[in-house]
Amino acid sequence: QEMVALVQENRAKVVLAEAEIPKAMADAFRSGNLGVMDYYNMRNVMADTSMRESIADPEKKSDIGGDS
């Protein structure tokens, strides 16, 4: 029981942390720490990773790169 609660708590922390990513990226764009080409390269790596994961495990459904 305690382990299930701990897992759920950690998942909630991950969801909250993932929600901060777009805000941090927007701040990086505004401050000049992230350029357009950096962003496109990052998205390309994410899409490539998603493709490789889908090839390795076709049953797994990935949401990276599919929503843009």
N, C-alpha and C. Protein backbone atom coordinates (compact mmCIF):
# COMPACT_ATOMS: atom_id res chain seq x y z
N GLN A 1 0.82 -1.20 0.00
CA GLN A 1 0.00 0.00 0.00
C GLN A 1 0.86 1.26 0.00
N GLU A 2 1.87 1.26 0.86
CA GLU A 2 2.73 2.44 0.94
C GLU A 2 3.48 2.64 -0.37
N MET A 3 3.90 1.54 -0.98
CA MET A 3 4.64 1.64 -2.24
C MET A 3 3.75 2.19 -3.35
N VAL A 4 2.49 1.77 -3.38
CA VAL A 4 1.56 2.27 -4.39
C VAL A 4 1.37 3.77 -4.22
N ALA A 5 1.22 4.21 -2.99
CA ALA A 5 1.06 5.63 -2.72
C ALA A 5 2.31 6.41 -3.11
N LEU A 6 3.47 5.83 -2.85
CA LEU A 6 4.73 6.49 -3.20
C LEU A 6 4.87 6.61 -4.72
N VAL A 7 4.49 5.55 -5.43
CA VAL A 7 4.56 5.58 -6.89
C VAL A 7 3.62 6.65 -7.44
N GLN A 8 2.41 6.72 -6.92
CA GLN A 8 1.45 7.73 -7.38
C GLN A 8 1.95 9.13 -7.07
N GLU A 9 2.55 9.31 -5.92
CA GLU A 9 3.08 10.62 -5.54
C GLU A 9 4.21 11.03 -6.49
N ASN A 10 5.09 10.09 -6.81
CA ASN A 10 6.19 10.38 -7.72
C ASN A 10 5.69 10.67 -9.13
N ARG A 11 4.66 9.95 -9.57
CA ARG A 11 4.08 10.24 -10.88
C ARG A 11 3.50 11.64 -10.93
N ALA A 12 2.85 12.04 -9.84
CA ALA A 12 2.29 13.39 -9.78
C ALA A 12 3.40 14.43 -9.86
N LYS A 13 4.52 14.17 -9.21
CA LYS A 13 5.66 15.10 -9.27
C LYS A 13 6.20 15.20 -10.69
N VAL A 14 6.25 14.07 -11.40
CA VAL A 14 6.73 14.07 -12.78
C VAL A 14 5.80 14.89 -13.66
N VAL A 15 4.49 14.72 -13.49
CA VAL A 15 3.52 15.47 -14.28
C VAL A 15 3.68 16.97 -14.03
N LEU A 16 3.85 17.35 -12.78
CA LEU A 16 4.04 18.77 -12.46
C LEU A 16 5.33 19.30 -13.06
N ALA A 17 6.39 18.51 -13.01
CA ALA A 17 7.67 18.94 -13.58
C ALA A 17 7.56 19.06 -15.09
N GLU A 18 6.85 18.13 -15.74
CA GLU A 18 6.69 18.20 -17.19
C GLU A 18 5.87 19.42 -17.60
N ALA A 19 4.97 19.86 -16.74
CA ALA A 19 4.18 21.05 -17.04
C ALA A 19 5.04 22.31 -17.04
N GLU A 20 6.16 22.28 -16.36
CA GLU A 20 7.06 23.44 -16.30
C GLU A 20 7.93 23.56 -17.55
N ILE A 21 8.06 22.51 -18.32
CA ILE A 21 8.96 22.51 -19.48
C ILE A 21 8.59 23.59 -20.50
N PRO A 22 7.32 23.70 -20.93
CA PRO A 22 7.00 24.76 -21.90
C PRO A 22 7.29 26.16 -21.37
N LYS A 23 7.05 26.37 -20.07
CA LYS A 23 7.35 27.68 -19.48
C LYS A 23 8.84 27.97 -19.53
N ALA A 24 9.65 26.98 -19.18
CA ALA A 24 11.10 27.16 -19.19
C ALA A 24 11.61 27.39 -20.61
N MET A 25 11.03 26.68 -21.58
CA MET A 25 11.45 26.88 -22.97
C MET A 25 11.08 28.27 -23.45
N ALA A 26 9.90 28.75 -23.08
CA ALA A 26 9.50 30.10 -23.47
C ALA A 26 10.45 31.13 -22.88
N ASP A 27 10.82 30.94 -21.63
CA ASP A 27 11.79 31.85 -21.00
C ASP A 27 13.14 31.80 -21.70
N ALA A 28 13.56 30.59 -22.09
CA ALA A 28 14.84 30.45 -22.79
C ALA A 28 14.80 31.13 -24.15
N PHE A 29 13.67 31.03 -24.86
CA PHE A 29 13.52 31.74 -26.13
C PHE A 29 13.63 33.25 -25.92
N ARG A 30 12.89 33.74 -24.93
CA ARG A 30 12.87 35.19 -24.68
C ARG A 30 14.25 35.72 -24.28
N SER A 31 14.97 34.95 -23.47
CA SER A 31 16.26 35.42 -22.98
C SER A 31 17.39 35.18 -23.97
N GLY A 32 17.10 34.46 -25.04
CA GLY A 32 18.11 34.22 -26.06
C GLY A 32 18.99 33.01 -25.80
N ASN A 33 18.65 32.22 -24.79
CA ASN A 33 19.44 31.02 -24.50
C ASN A 33 19.06 29.83 -25.37
N LEU A 34 17.94 29.92 -26.08
CA LEU A 34 17.49 28.86 -26.96
C LEU A 34 17.10 29.49 -28.29
N GLY A 35 17.80 29.08 -29.33
CA GLY A 35 17.51 29.61 -30.66
C GLY A 35 16.55 28.71 -31.41
N VAL A 36 16.11 29.20 -32.55
CA VAL A 36 15.16 28.44 -33.37
C VAL A 36 15.78 27.13 -33.83
N MET A 37 17.03 27.18 -34.29
CA MET A 37 17.68 25.96 -34.76
C MET A 37 17.90 24.97 -33.62
N ASP A 38 18.21 25.48 -32.42
CA ASP A 38 18.33 24.60 -31.26
C ASP A 38 17.00 23.88 -31.00
N TYR A 39 15.91 24.64 -31.11
CA TYR A 39 14.59 24.07 -30.89
C TYR A 39 14.28 22.99 -31.92
N TYR A 40 14.54 23.28 -33.19
CA TYR A 40 14.27 22.30 -34.24
C TYR A 40 15.15 21.06 -34.09
N ASN A 41 16.40 21.25 -33.71
CA ASN A 41 17.28 20.10 -33.48
C ASN A 41 16.77 19.25 -32.32
N MET A 42 16.30 19.91 -31.26
CA MET A 42 15.76 19.18 -30.12
C MET A 42 14.51 18.39 -30.52
N ARG A 43 13.61 19.01 -31.28
CA ARG A 43 12.41 18.31 -31.74
C ARG A 43 12.77 17.14 -32.65
N ASN A 44 13.81 17.32 -33.46
CA ASN A 44 14.25 16.24 -34.34
C ASN A 44 14.76 15.05 -33.52
N VAL A 45 15.51 15.33 -32.48
CA VAL A 45 16.01 14.26 -31.62
C VAL A 45 14.84 13.56 -30.92
N MET A 46 13.85 14.33 -30.46
CA MET A 46 12.69 13.73 -29.81
C MET A 46 11.91 12.84 -30.79
N ALA A 47 11.73 13.31 -32.01
CA ALA A 47 11.01 12.52 -33.01
C ALA A 47 11.79 11.26 -33.37
N ASP A 48 13.11 11.39 -33.48
CA ASP A 48 13.96 10.24 -33.79
C ASP A 48 13.89 9.20 -32.68
N THR A 49 13.92 9.68 -31.44
CA THR A 49 13.83 8.77 -30.30
C THR A 49 12.48 8.06 -30.30
N SER A 50 11.42 8.81 -30.57
CA SER A 50 10.09 8.21 -30.63
C SER A 50 10.01 7.14 -31.73
N MET A 51 10.59 7.44 -32.88
CA MET A 51 10.59 6.49 -33.99
C MET A 51 11.34 5.22 -33.59
N ARG A 52 12.50 5.38 -32.98
CA ARG A 52 13.30 4.21 -32.58
C ARG A 52 12.57 3.38 -31.53
N GLU A 53 11.91 4.06 -30.60
CA GLU A 53 11.15 3.32 -29.58
C GLU A 53 9.99 2.56 -30.20
N SER A 54 9.33 3.16 -31.19
CA SER A 54 8.20 2.47 -31.82
C SER A 54 8.67 1.28 -32.65
N ILE A 55 9.86 1.38 -33.22
CA ILE A 55 10.41 0.24 -33.96
C ILE A 55 10.79 -0.88 -32.98
N ALA A 56 11.37 -0.50 -31.85
CA ALA A 56 11.80 -1.48 -30.87
C ALA A 56 10.62 -2.16 -30.17
N ASP A 57 9.55 -1.41 -29.95
CA ASP A 57 8.37 -1.94 -29.26
C ASP A 57 7.12 -1.43 -29.95
N PRO A 58 6.65 -2.12 -30.99
CA PRO A 58 5.51 -1.62 -31.78
C PRO A 58 4.21 -1.52 -30.98
N GLU A 59 4.09 -2.22 -29.88
CA GLU A 59 2.86 -2.17 -29.08
C GLU A 59 2.75 -0.90 -28.25
N LYS A 60 3.89 -0.27 -28.00
CA LYS A 60 3.92 0.94 -27.17
C LYS A 60 3.44 2.13 -27.98
N LYS A 61 2.58 2.95 -27.38
CA LYS A 61 2.06 4.15 -28.03
C LYS A 61 2.83 5.35 -27.48
N SER A 62 3.48 6.11 -28.36
CA SER A 62 4.27 7.26 -27.94
C SER A 62 3.55 8.54 -28.33
N ASP A 63 3.64 9.58 -27.47
CA ASP A 63 2.99 10.84 -27.78
C ASP A 63 3.99 11.94 -28.12
N ILE A 64 5.25 11.63 -28.15
CA ILE A 64 6.26 12.64 -28.46
C ILE A 64 6.28 12.90 -29.95
N GLY A 65 6.19 14.16 -30.31
CA GLY A 65 6.31 14.54 -31.71
C GLY A 65 5.05 14.36 -32.52
N GLY A 66 4.03 13.75 -31.98
CA GLY A 66 2.83 13.51 -32.76
C GLY A 66 1.79 14.59 -32.65
N ASP A 67 2.00 15.53 -31.76
CA ASP A 67 0.97 16.53 -31.53
C ASP A 67 1.27 17.87 -32.20
N SER A 68 2.32 17.97 -32.98
CA SER A 68 2.65 19.27 -33.55
C SER A 68 2.40 19.36 -35.00
